[in-house]
Amino acid sequence: MKKALSMLLAGTMAMSLVACSSGNSSSSSTADTTAAAAAEDTKAEGGDTAAAGDSEDYGDYNWNLAMTVSETTTNYKMVEYFANLVKEKSNGSINIELYPGGQLANTTEQDEACVSGSIEMVTGMTADLTDFVNEMALFDMPNVFDNIDHMRNFLESDYAKNQINEYCEASGIHMLAFSDAGFRELTTNVPTKSVADLAGQKIRVMTNKYHIAYWNAIGASAVPMQFNELFMGLQQGTVDGQENPYMNIVGNNLQEVQKYVVETNHVGHIIVFFMNNDLYQSLPDNTKALIDECAAEAAEYAKGVASESIEQDKKTVEDAGCEIVQFSDDDLAVLRDKAQVVYDMVKEDLGDDVVQGFLDAVDAARK
């Protein structure tokens, strides 16, 4: 399997290099157009990135960036912005080809390929990485963040940038940026005004042991199911509900087969953007600095995209006839209490010190 994947990726990468040199790639065309617009914006603000790029050599690179999500997602918009910015600031010497929708591999395969170096860059979510970076399970502890601002403060903290990246580098990847798509929320066809109403509801979850344990602990019945089977499962009543960020709810038209969106805010849908660590460490210092700068700018851009998208998606949900339900503070406290079973599981898997370090950083991010 790995050998076949490596051969496939090698062939794909070779074709992408040809596309870069010929200028026929649609991704390259998009990058050129957006980069030109970015250059005009920069000049209007009194800067001239092209002139700066002329005076500095960043090296010539052609990299592939894989993802399983579509062009409509915050992930894609963030890395597209990044690729355009890198191309502009390097004066065209660093080209990054985007492959959305699982064109290169599925989630597990693309992460494995980035660890091995067959794919240079990947964007996904924290839960995707737990098989490769065990400490990503820290983000599976439910109800740890008070609100979206608290979560974003944490993602911008020194702990996230340094300690989490230390865990990543030990596993073969370098974390370039975090972003988010808000929180994962519950949708259901059962009237749900309180935690008590969750009893017995069949809730589709990812095949993630922490997610399964959480929903079972709060009285629901967790049903692991592939995402591509979910719409039909909801339509046919195989499951009552599911949990996903608004981005995925609307992006997959789940509002058409669900009556309620319950803002449980149980787990942040945290976007990750990373590259092969050996590749990153091999780059000249000025190229590393450029990549870091562009990744930080792209993450800041994505934050605005996510906030706007959440508001638009909420309106789409309500326009489709779904009722948005907000739990009381007492019910949210019950959810936090029930989540303790997952905290205990993560402590057993990672150790008390690792979990406590994370929780201390979460506390410090409260402002």
Protein backbone atom coordinates (compact mmCIF):
# COMPACT_ATOMS: atom_id res chain seq x y z
CA MET A 1 0.00 0.00 0.00
CA LYS A 2 2.72 2.47 1.03
CA LYS A 3 4.86 1.53 -1.98
CA ALA A 4 1.93 2.04 -4.34
CA LEU A 5 1.09 5.34 -2.72
CA SER A 6 4.70 6.53 -3.02
CA MET A 7 4.76 5.65 -6.73
CA LEU A 8 1.45 7.43 -7.29
CA LEU A 9 2.61 10.51 -5.43
CA ALA A 10 5.92 10.57 -7.27
CA GLY A 11 4.11 10.55 -10.59
CA THR A 12 1.69 13.23 -9.46
CA MET A 13 4.49 15.45 -8.21
CA ALA A 14 6.34 15.08 -11.49
CA MET A 15 3.26 16.14 -13.43
CA SER A 16 2.72 19.10 -11.11
CA LEU A 17 6.27 20.31 -11.81
CA VAL A 18 5.59 20.21 -15.53
CA ALA A 19 2.38 22.14 -14.95
CA CYS A 20 4.27 24.76 -12.96
CA SER A 21 6.83 25.28 -15.71
CA SER A 22 4.27 25.41 -18.51
CA GLY A 23 1.91 27.83 -16.73
CA ASN A 24 -1.12 25.74 -17.71
CA SER A 25 -2.16 24.80 -14.15
CA SER A 26 -5.44 26.29 -12.96
CA SER A 27 -3.94 26.58 -9.48
CA SER A 28 -1.03 28.57 -10.92
CA SER A 29 -3.44 30.86 -12.77
CA THR A 30 -5.38 31.51 -9.59
CA ALA A 31 -2.18 32.15 -7.70
CA ASP A 32 -0.92 34.60 -10.35
CA THR A 33 -4.19 36.56 -10.35
CA THR A 34 -4.49 36.76 -6.58
CA ALA A 35 -0.80 37.49 -6.13
CA ALA A 36 -1.07 40.42 -8.52
CA ALA A 37 -3.98 41.80 -6.52
CA ALA A 38 -2.04 41.33 -3.30
CA ALA A 39 0.90 43.22 -4.79
CA GLU A 40 -1.32 46.16 -5.69
CA ASP A 41 -2.76 46.20 -2.15
CA THR A 42 0.72 46.19 -0.66
CA LYS A 43 1.91 49.03 -2.89
CA ALA A 44 -1.19 51.03 -2.02
CA GLU A 45 -0.20 50.74 1.64
CA GLY A 46 3.24 52.12 0.90
CA GLY A 47 5.16 48.85 0.58
CA ASP A 48 6.75 47.05 -2.37
CA THR A 49 7.16 43.35 -1.80
CA ALA A 50 8.35 42.72 -5.35
CA ALA A 51 11.27 45.10 -4.85
CA ALA A 52 12.13 43.36 -1.58
CA GLY A 53 11.94 39.98 -3.30
CA ASP A 54 14.32 41.13 -6.04
CA SER A 55 17.06 41.71 -3.47
CA GLU A 56 16.82 38.36 -1.74
CA ASP A 57 17.28 34.78 -2.88
CA TYR A 58 14.82 32.34 -1.30
CA GLY A 59 15.72 29.38 -3.51
CA ASP A 60 13.63 27.69 -6.18
CA TYR A 61 10.97 25.27 -4.89
CA ASN A 62 7.88 23.53 -6.23
CA TRP A 63 5.75 21.95 -3.52
CA ASN A 64 2.45 20.08 -3.40
CA LEU A 65 -0.19 20.90 -0.77
CA ALA A 66 -2.84 18.22 -0.20
CA MET A 67 -6.23 18.28 1.51
CA THR A 68 -9.38 16.20 1.48
CA VAL A 69 -11.70 19.22 1.87
CA SER A 70 -13.18 21.30 -0.95
CA GLU A 71 -12.43 24.77 -2.28
CA THR A 72 -15.34 26.23 -0.27
CA THR A 73 -13.73 25.53 3.12
CA THR A 74 -11.75 27.78 5.42
CA ASN A 75 -8.85 25.33 5.04
CA TYR A 76 -8.66 25.88 1.31
CA LYS A 77 -9.06 29.63 1.51
CA MET A 78 -6.29 29.85 4.10
CA VAL A 79 -3.74 27.81 2.16
CA GLU A 80 -4.67 29.45 -1.15
CA TYR A 81 -3.94 32.81 0.47
CA PHE A 82 -0.67 31.39 1.80
CA ALA A 83 0.40 30.03 -1.59
CA ASN A 84 -0.36 33.31 -3.33
CA LEU A 85 1.52 35.28 -0.68
CA VAL A 86 4.59 33.03 -0.83
CA LYS A 87 4.66 33.20 -4.61
CA GLU A 88 4.46 37.00 -4.52
CA LYS A 89 6.98 37.58 -1.73
CA SER A 90 9.49 35.10 -3.18
CA ASN A 91 9.15 36.87 -6.54
CA GLY A 92 7.85 33.66 -8.10
CA SER A 93 10.66 31.36 -6.96
CA ILE A 94 8.45 29.30 -4.60
CA ASN A 95 5.43 27.69 -6.21
CA ILE A 96 2.84 25.68 -4.30
CA GLU A 97 0.26 23.55 -6.10
CA LEU A 98 -3.05 22.99 -4.25
CA TYR A 99 -4.83 19.64 -4.47
CA PRO A 100 -8.25 19.82 -2.76
CA GLY A 101 -10.90 17.14 -2.50
CA GLY A 102 -8.55 14.22 -1.82
CA GLN A 103 -6.98 14.34 -5.29
CA LEU A 104 -3.67 12.99 -3.98
CA ALA A 105 -4.79 10.74 -1.13
CA ASN A 106 -7.32 10.21 1.62
CA THR A 107 -6.84 11.79 5.04
CA THR A 108 -4.70 9.05 6.60
CA GLU A 109 -2.63 8.58 3.44
CA GLN A 110 -1.89 12.27 2.98
CA ASP A 111 -0.79 12.67 6.62
CA GLU A 112 1.41 9.59 6.33
CA ALA A 113 2.87 10.92 3.08
CA CYS A 114 3.70 14.27 4.68
CA VAL A 115 5.43 12.53 7.59
CA SER A 116 7.50 10.52 5.09
CA GLY A 117 8.10 13.51 2.80
CA SER A 118 6.20 12.26 -0.27
CA ILE A 119 3.85 15.24 0.05
CA GLU A 120 5.39 18.49 1.21
CA MET A 121 2.37 20.20 2.81
CA VAL A 122 -1.06 19.26 4.15
CA THR A 123 -4.04 20.95 5.75
CA GLY A 124 -6.64 19.09 7.79
CA MET A 125 -7.89 19.13 11.38
CA THR A 126 -6.42 18.13 14.73
CA ALA A 127 -8.47 14.92 15.01
CA ASP A 128 -6.97 13.69 11.72
CA LEU A 129 -3.47 13.75 13.20
CA THR A 130 -3.94 11.77 16.41
CA ASP A 131 -2.55 8.58 14.82
CA PHE A 132 0.69 10.42 13.97
CA VAL A 133 0.97 13.03 16.74
CA ASN A 134 -0.55 11.42 19.82
CA GLU A 135 -0.70 14.73 21.68
CA MET A 136 -3.29 16.04 19.22
CA ALA A 137 -5.74 14.07 21.40
CA LEU A 138 -5.51 17.02 23.80
CA PHE A 139 -7.86 18.89 21.47
CA ASP A 140 -10.40 16.04 21.75
CA MET A 141 -11.08 16.88 25.40
CA PRO A 142 -14.61 18.35 25.21
CA ASN A 143 -15.86 21.69 26.52
CA VAL A 144 -12.36 22.91 27.34
CA PHE A 145 -12.80 26.34 25.70
CA ASP A 146 -15.31 28.90 26.99
CA ASN A 147 -15.98 30.51 23.62
CA ILE A 148 -14.41 31.13 20.22
CA ASP A 149 -12.28 34.04 21.43
CA HIS A 150 -10.85 31.88 24.20
CA MET A 151 -10.02 29.15 21.70
CA ARG A 152 -8.35 31.60 19.32
CA ASN A 153 -6.32 33.14 22.13
CA PHE A 154 -5.03 29.67 22.92
CA LEU A 155 -4.16 28.89 19.29
CA GLU A 156 -2.10 32.08 19.16
CA SER A 157 -0.33 31.37 22.47
CA ASP A 158 3.33 30.49 22.92
CA TYR A 159 2.22 27.05 24.13
CA ALA A 160 0.47 26.28 20.83
CA LYS A 161 3.30 27.71 18.73
CA ASN A 162 6.12 26.06 20.67
CA GLN A 163 5.02 23.11 22.82
CA ILE A 164 2.48 21.71 20.37
CA ASN A 165 4.98 22.17 17.55
CA GLU A 166 7.58 20.31 19.59
CA TYR A 167 5.21 17.36 19.73
CA CYS A 168 4.64 17.64 15.98
CA GLU A 169 8.32 17.82 15.07
CA ALA A 170 9.04 14.72 17.13
CA SER A 171 6.55 12.94 14.85
CA GLY A 172 7.98 14.24 11.58
CA ILE A 173 5.94 17.34 10.76
CA HIS A 174 6.34 21.06 11.38
CA MET A 175 3.17 22.96 12.27
CA LEU A 176 2.95 26.12 10.18
CA ALA A 177 -0.36 27.50 11.46
CA PHE A 178 -3.57 26.83 13.32
CA SER A 179 -6.94 28.22 12.35
CA ASP A 180 -10.51 27.19 13.10
CA ALA A 181 -14.01 26.84 11.74
CA GLY A 182 -15.62 27.63 15.07
CA PHE A 183 -16.96 24.79 17.21
CA ARG A 184 -18.47 21.47 16.31
CA GLU A 185 -22.21 21.62 17.00
CA LEU A 186 -24.95 19.03 17.35
CA THR A 187 -27.68 18.74 14.72
CA THR A 188 -30.68 16.49 15.29
CA ASN A 189 -34.25 15.73 14.32
CA VAL A 190 -35.27 15.25 17.95
CA PRO A 191 -36.45 18.32 19.90
CA THR A 192 -33.48 19.09 22.15
CA LYS A 193 -33.70 21.92 24.67
CA SER A 194 -31.51 20.43 27.42
CA VAL A 195 -28.89 17.74 28.04
CA ALA A 196 -31.66 15.46 29.31
CA ASP A 197 -33.21 15.47 25.82
CA LEU A 198 -30.08 13.80 24.43
CA ALA A 199 -30.88 10.52 26.18
CA GLY A 200 -31.06 7.67 23.68
CA GLN A 201 -30.50 9.81 20.58
CA LYS A 202 -28.43 8.06 17.92
CA ILE A 203 -25.65 10.51 17.09
CA ARG A 204 -23.24 9.89 14.22
CA VAL A 205 -19.62 10.50 15.23
CA MET A 206 -16.22 10.07 13.64
CA THR A 207 -14.36 6.84 14.33
CA ASN A 208 -12.59 8.53 17.25
CA LYS A 209 -12.65 6.77 20.62
CA TYR A 210 -12.77 10.03 22.56
CA HIS A 211 -15.76 11.34 20.61
CA ILE A 212 -17.56 8.02 21.03
CA ALA A 213 -16.94 8.01 24.80
CA TYR A 214 -18.17 11.60 25.15
CA TRP A 215 -21.54 11.14 23.48
CA ASN A 216 -22.16 7.88 25.29
CA ALA A 217 -21.29 9.59 28.61
CA ILE A 218 -23.91 12.31 28.12
CA GLY A 219 -26.62 9.72 27.50
CA ALA A 220 -26.74 9.58 23.71
CA SER A 221 -25.84 6.54 21.62
CA ALA A 222 -22.72 7.22 19.55
CA VAL A 223 -22.79 5.67 16.07
CA PRO A 224 -19.47 5.72 14.16
CA MET A 225 -20.21 6.27 10.47
CA GLN A 226 -18.28 7.38 7.39
CA PHE A 227 -19.07 10.96 6.46
CA ASN A 228 -20.07 10.05 2.89
CA GLU A 229 -22.86 7.86 4.35
CA LEU A 230 -24.18 10.54 6.70
CA PHE A 231 -26.72 12.42 4.55
CA MET A 232 -28.56 9.22 3.65
CA GLY A 233 -28.31 7.99 7.23
CA LEU A 234 -30.03 11.16 8.47
CA GLN A 235 -32.56 11.09 5.64
CA GLN A 236 -33.52 7.47 6.35
CA GLY A 237 -33.47 7.83 10.13
CA THR A 238 -30.56 5.44 10.67
CA VAL A 239 -29.22 8.13 13.00
CA ASP A 240 -31.07 11.04 14.64
CA GLY A 241 -28.26 13.52 14.43
CA GLN A 242 -24.59 14.26 14.05
CA GLU A 243 -21.95 16.82 15.07
CA ASN A 244 -19.92 19.10 12.83
CA PRO A 245 -19.01 22.77 12.45
CA TYR A 246 -21.43 25.03 10.58
CA MET A 247 -18.98 24.94 7.67
CA ASN A 248 -19.60 21.21 7.15
CA ILE A 249 -23.28 21.31 8.04
CA VAL A 250 -24.06 23.80 5.28
CA GLY A 251 -21.32 22.61 2.95
CA ASN A 252 -23.01 19.20 2.83
CA ASN A 253 -26.64 20.43 2.99
CA LEU A 254 -27.34 18.67 6.28
CA GLN A 255 -29.81 21.44 7.13
CA GLU A 256 -32.08 19.85 4.52
CA VAL A 257 -32.46 16.69 6.63
CA GLN A 258 -32.17 18.13 10.17
CA LYS A 259 -34.59 20.20 12.25
CA TYR A 260 -32.38 21.52 15.05
CA VAL A 261 -28.86 22.85 15.48
CA VAL A 262 -27.87 22.73 19.14
CA GLU A 263 -24.88 24.92 19.98
CA THR A 264 -23.10 22.52 22.29
CA ASN A 265 -19.71 24.09 21.44
CA HIS A 266 -18.24 20.82 22.66
CA VAL A 267 -15.06 20.59 20.56
CA GLY A 268 -13.28 23.23 18.53
CA HIS A 269 -13.00 22.40 14.83
CA ILE A 270 -9.34 23.33 14.76
CA ILE A 271 -7.65 23.52 11.38
CA VAL A 272 -4.02 22.49 11.06
CA PHE A 273 -1.55 23.46 8.35
CA PHE A 274 1.78 21.65 8.37
CA MET A 275 4.72 20.51 6.28
CA ASN A 276 7.34 17.79 6.40
CA ASN A 277 9.73 18.66 9.23
CA ASP A 278 12.91 17.50 7.47
CA LEU A 279 12.05 19.74 4.53
CA TYR A 280 11.32 22.72 6.77
CA GLN A 281 14.54 22.30 8.74
CA SER A 282 16.55 22.03 5.49
CA LEU A 283 15.42 25.44 4.27
CA PRO A 284 17.72 28.49 4.48
CA ASP A 285 16.93 30.75 7.42
CA ASN A 286 15.52 33.51 5.23
CA THR A 287 13.19 31.04 3.49
CA LYS A 288 12.00 29.68 6.84
CA ALA A 289 11.30 33.23 7.96
CA LEU A 290 9.33 33.90 4.76
CA ILE A 291 7.27 30.73 5.18
CA ASP A 292 6.57 31.54 8.84
CA GLU A 293 5.57 35.12 8.01
CA CYS A 294 3.21 34.06 5.23
CA ALA A 295 1.68 31.28 7.34
CA ALA A 296 0.96 33.75 10.16
CA GLU A 297 -0.66 36.19 7.73
CA ALA A 298 -2.74 33.39 6.20
CA ALA A 299 -3.93 32.23 9.64
CA GLU A 300 -5.01 35.78 10.51
CA TYR A 301 -6.84 36.02 7.18
CA ALA A 302 -8.56 32.67 7.83
CA LYS A 303 -9.86 33.91 11.19
CA GLY A 304 -11.87 36.59 9.40
CA VAL A 305 -13.04 34.09 6.78
CA ALA A 306 -14.22 31.69 9.49
CA SER A 307 -16.16 34.34 11.44
CA GLU A 308 -17.92 35.58 8.31
CA SER A 309 -18.64 32.03 7.17
CA ILE A 310 -20.18 31.04 10.51
CA GLU A 311 -22.60 33.98 10.42
CA GLN A 312 -23.57 33.27 6.80
CA ASP A 313 -24.03 29.57 7.53
CA LYS A 314 -26.24 30.27 10.54
CA LYS A 315 -28.52 32.32 8.30
CA THR A 316 -28.58 29.51 5.72
CA VAL A 317 -29.55 27.02 8.42
CA GLU A 318 -32.37 29.22 9.71
CA ASP A 319 -33.59 30.02 6.19
CA ALA A 320 -33.87 26.25 5.61
CA GLY A 321 -36.25 26.03 8.58
CA CYS A 322 -33.85 24.73 11.22
CA GLU A 323 -34.12 26.05 14.76
CA ILE A 324 -30.86 27.06 16.46
CA VAL A 325 -30.90 26.08 20.12
CA GLN A 326 -28.58 27.45 22.80
CA PHE A 327 -28.15 25.46 26.00
CA SER A 328 -28.39 27.19 29.36
CA ASP A 329 -25.25 27.73 31.45
CA ASP A 330 -26.43 24.92 33.73
CA ASP A 331 -26.65 22.49 30.82
CA LEU A 332 -23.23 23.53 29.54
CA ALA A 333 -21.88 22.83 33.03
CA VAL A 334 -23.40 19.34 32.84
CA LEU A 335 -21.64 18.75 29.52
CA ARG A 336 -18.31 19.79 31.07
CA ASP A 337 -18.90 17.44 33.98
CA LYS A 338 -19.77 14.52 31.70
CA ALA A 339 -16.65 15.21 29.64
CA GLN A 340 -14.44 14.11 32.54
CA VAL A 341 -14.49 10.54 31.22
CA VAL A 342 -12.61 11.74 28.13
CA TYR A 343 -10.13 13.75 30.23
CA ASP A 344 -9.34 10.56 32.12
CA MET A 345 -8.84 8.63 28.88
CA VAL A 346 -6.46 11.27 27.50
CA LYS A 347 -4.52 11.34 30.77
CA GLU A 348 -4.13 7.58 30.60
CA ASP A 349 -2.90 7.80 27.00
CA LEU A 350 -0.61 10.84 27.29
CA GLY A 351 0.21 11.18 30.97
CA ASP A 352 -0.95 13.58 33.68
CA ASP A 353 1.86 16.08 33.09
CA VAL A 354 1.09 16.49 29.38
CA VAL A 355 -2.62 17.03 30.05
CA GLN A 356 -1.99 19.41 32.93
CA GLY A 357 0.41 21.48 30.84
CA PHE A 358 -2.29 21.82 28.19
CA LEU A 359 -4.97 22.76 30.73
CA ASP A 360 -2.69 25.33 32.35
CA ALA A 361 -2.15 26.94 28.92
CA VAL A 362 -5.92 26.89 28.33
CA ASP A 363 -6.44 28.71 31.65
CA ALA A 364 -3.76 31.27 30.75
CA ALA A 365 -5.57 32.00 27.46
CA ARG A 366 -8.68 33.24 29.30
CA LYS A 367 -8.80 37.03 28.95
